[in-house]
Each structure stands twice: as C-alpha cells, then as structure tokens.
C-alpha cells in the first residue's frame, strides 16, 4: 500500500474541488429585540402581536417569535 503525496498546488486544487466548508453550527441572523411579552397572557389577548402591528404601522418590519427557553414572545426586527 503506497501513500500518495501531493504538491501544494494539487492539495489546493483538491480542497477547492470539495466545495464550500460547512461549519458545525448554522449562523443565526442578528436580531434586535424590541419588546418581550410573557406567554401566559389572558385568553383572547395577543399583546405581542398587537405591539408588532403598531410597529409595522410605523414602518418597522417587526415580527413575533417564541423564545422557548424563557417561555415568552419576542417582538424582533431583523
């Protein structure tokens, strides 16, 4: 069994042929949290959605996401 040795140019060409390198963790987009709301709002009340709607009326691209770790809704801007 022989081991192949490659020149630096051949090594670079082989690495380039493999395509882009993937990282272990995906890159998350940076978001700014405008407001936090507890998930236990009274039945029929959507304070996070109402706040996000007010922001959208003012031209801010706000959206509501759930933060499972803190059990709260976040109004964020990307």
C-alpha atoms as a PDB file:
ATOM      1  CA  UNK A   1       0.000   0.000   0.000  1.00  0.00           C
ATOM      2  CA  UNK A   2       1.523   3.314  -1.028  1.00  0.00           C
ATOM      3  CA  UNK A   3       0.597   6.717   0.243  1.00  0.00           C
ATOM      4  CA  UNK A   4       0.159   9.434  -2.373  1.00  0.00           C
ATOM      5  CA  UNK A   5       1.906  12.723  -1.790  1.00  0.00           C
ATOM      6  CA  UNK A   6       0.534  15.848  -3.404  1.00  0.00           C
ATOM      7  CA  UNK A   7       2.223  19.115  -4.221  1.00  0.00           C
ATOM      8  CA  UNK A   8       0.826  22.266  -2.583  1.00  0.00           C
ATOM      9  CA  UNK A   9      -0.904  23.177  -5.870  1.00  0.00           C
ATOM     10  CA  UNK A  10      -2.515  19.738  -6.085  1.00  0.00           C
ATOM     11  CA  UNK A  11      -3.626  19.959  -2.445  1.00  0.00           C
ATOM     12  CA  UNK A  12      -5.207  23.370  -3.086  1.00  0.00           C
ATOM     13  CA  UNK A  13      -6.986  22.051  -6.190  1.00  0.00           C
ATOM     14  CA  UNK A  14      -8.344  19.034  -4.290  1.00  0.00           C
ATOM     15  CA  UNK A  15      -9.584  21.279  -1.461  1.00  0.00           C
ATOM     16  CA  UNK A  16     -11.254  23.670  -3.910  1.00  0.00           C
ATOM     17  CA  UNK A  17     -12.977  20.752  -5.636  1.00  0.00           C
ATOM     18  CA  UNK A  18     -14.634  19.740  -2.349  1.00  0.00           C
ATOM     19  CA  UNK A  19     -16.796  22.864  -2.366  1.00  0.00           C
ATOM     20  CA  UNK A  20     -17.615  25.243   0.485  1.00  0.00           C
ATOM     21  CA  UNK A  21     -16.760  24.243   4.020  1.00  0.00           C
ATOM     22  CA  UNK A  22     -19.715  23.850   6.359  1.00  0.00           C
ATOM     23  CA  UNK A  23     -19.460  24.912   9.970  1.00  0.00           C
ATOM     24  CA  UNK A  24     -20.744  22.848  12.871  1.00  0.00           C
ATOM     25  CA  UNK A  25     -23.348  25.451  13.878  1.00  0.00           C
ATOM     26  CA  UNK A  26     -25.509  27.416  11.466  1.00  0.00           C
ATOM     27  CA  UNK A  27     -25.046  31.163  11.505  1.00  0.00           C
ATOM     28  CA  UNK A  28     -28.057  32.898  13.033  1.00  0.00           C
ATOM     29  CA  UNK A  29     -29.086  36.293  11.743  1.00  0.00           C
ATOM     30  CA  UNK A  30     -28.645  39.197  14.123  1.00  0.00           C
ATOM     31  CA  UNK A  31     -31.963  40.405  15.505  1.00  0.00           C
ATOM     32  CA  UNK A  32     -32.832  43.289  17.752  1.00  0.00           C
ATOM     33  CA  UNK A  33     -35.436  42.569  20.428  1.00  0.00           C
ATOM     34  CA  UNK A  34     -37.877  45.466  20.717  1.00  0.00           C
ATOM     35  CA  UNK A  35     -40.076  44.030  23.484  1.00  0.00           C
ATOM     36  CA  UNK A  36     -40.724  40.834  25.493  1.00  0.00           C
ATOM     37  CA  UNK A  37     -44.129  39.529  26.498  1.00  0.00           C
ATOM     38  CA  UNK A  38     -44.866  36.586  28.813  1.00  0.00           C
ATOM     39  CA  UNK A  39     -46.524  33.629  27.107  1.00  0.00           C
ATOM     40  CA  UNK A  40     -49.266  33.460  29.754  1.00  0.00           C
ATOM     41  CA  UNK A  41     -51.384  36.363  28.513  1.00  0.00           C
ATOM     42  CA  UNK A  42     -55.133  36.260  29.269  1.00  0.00           C
ATOM     43  CA  UNK A  43     -57.209  34.175  26.880  1.00  0.00           C
ATOM     44  CA  UNK A  44     -58.011  36.085  23.698  1.00  0.00           C
ATOM     45  CA  UNK A  45     -55.260  38.648  24.348  1.00  0.00           C
ATOM     46  CA  UNK A  46     -52.311  38.904  21.964  1.00  0.00           C
ATOM     47  CA  UNK A  47     -50.128  41.729  23.324  1.00  0.00           C
ATOM     48  CA  UNK A  48     -47.038  40.759  21.331  1.00  0.00           C
ATOM     49  CA  UNK A  49     -48.977  40.652  18.052  1.00  0.00           C
ATOM     50  CA  UNK A  50     -50.656  43.969  18.843  1.00  0.00           C
ATOM     51  CA  UNK A  51     -47.307  45.622  19.614  1.00  0.00           C
ATOM     52  CA  UNK A  52     -45.765  44.208  16.430  1.00  0.00           C
ATOM     53  CA  UNK A  53     -48.727  45.510  14.401  1.00  0.00           C
ATOM     54  CA  UNK A  54     -48.230  49.004  15.866  1.00  0.00           C
ATOM     55  CA  UNK A  55     -44.571  48.862  14.892  1.00  0.00           C
ATOM     56  CA  UNK A  56     -45.417  47.739  11.349  1.00  0.00           C
ATOM     57  CA  UNK A  57     -47.840  50.686  11.011  1.00  0.00           C
ATOM     58  CA  UNK A  58     -44.901  52.964  11.849  1.00  0.00           C
ATOM     59  CA  UNK A  59     -42.767  51.337   9.127  1.00  0.00           C
ATOM     60  CA  UNK A  60     -40.720  48.986  11.333  1.00  0.00           C
ATOM     61  CA  UNK A  61     -40.523  45.419   9.986  1.00  0.00           C
ATOM     62  CA  UNK A  62     -41.348  43.781  13.327  1.00  0.00           C
ATOM     63  CA  UNK A  63     -42.241  40.146  13.780  1.00  0.00           C
ATOM     64  CA  UNK A  64     -43.159  37.942  16.729  1.00  0.00           C
ATOM     65  CA  UNK A  65     -41.081  34.900  17.636  1.00  0.00           C
ATOM     66  CA  UNK A  66     -41.335  32.466  20.553  1.00  0.00           C
ATOM     67  CA  UNK A  67     -38.390  32.129  22.922  1.00  0.00           C
ATOM     68  CA  UNK A  68     -38.877  28.649  24.341  1.00  0.00           C
ATOM     69  CA  UNK A  69     -36.068  28.998  26.883  1.00  0.00           C
ATOM     70  CA  UNK A  70     -37.760  31.928  28.636  1.00  0.00           C
ATOM     71  CA  UNK A  71     -41.376  30.977  27.708  1.00  0.00           C
ATOM     72  CA  UNK A  72     -42.027  34.393  26.253  1.00  0.00           C
ATOM     73  CA  UNK A  73     -42.866  36.050  22.955  1.00  0.00           C
ATOM     74  CA  UNK A  74     -40.304  38.447  21.494  1.00  0.00           C
ATOM     75  CA  UNK A  75     -41.033  41.231  19.059  1.00  0.00           C
ATOM     76  CA  UNK A  76     -37.916  41.428  16.914  1.00  0.00           C
ATOM     77  CA  UNK A  77     -36.514  43.328  13.957  1.00  0.00           C
ATOM     78  CA  UNK A  78     -34.075  41.570  11.643  1.00  0.00           C
END
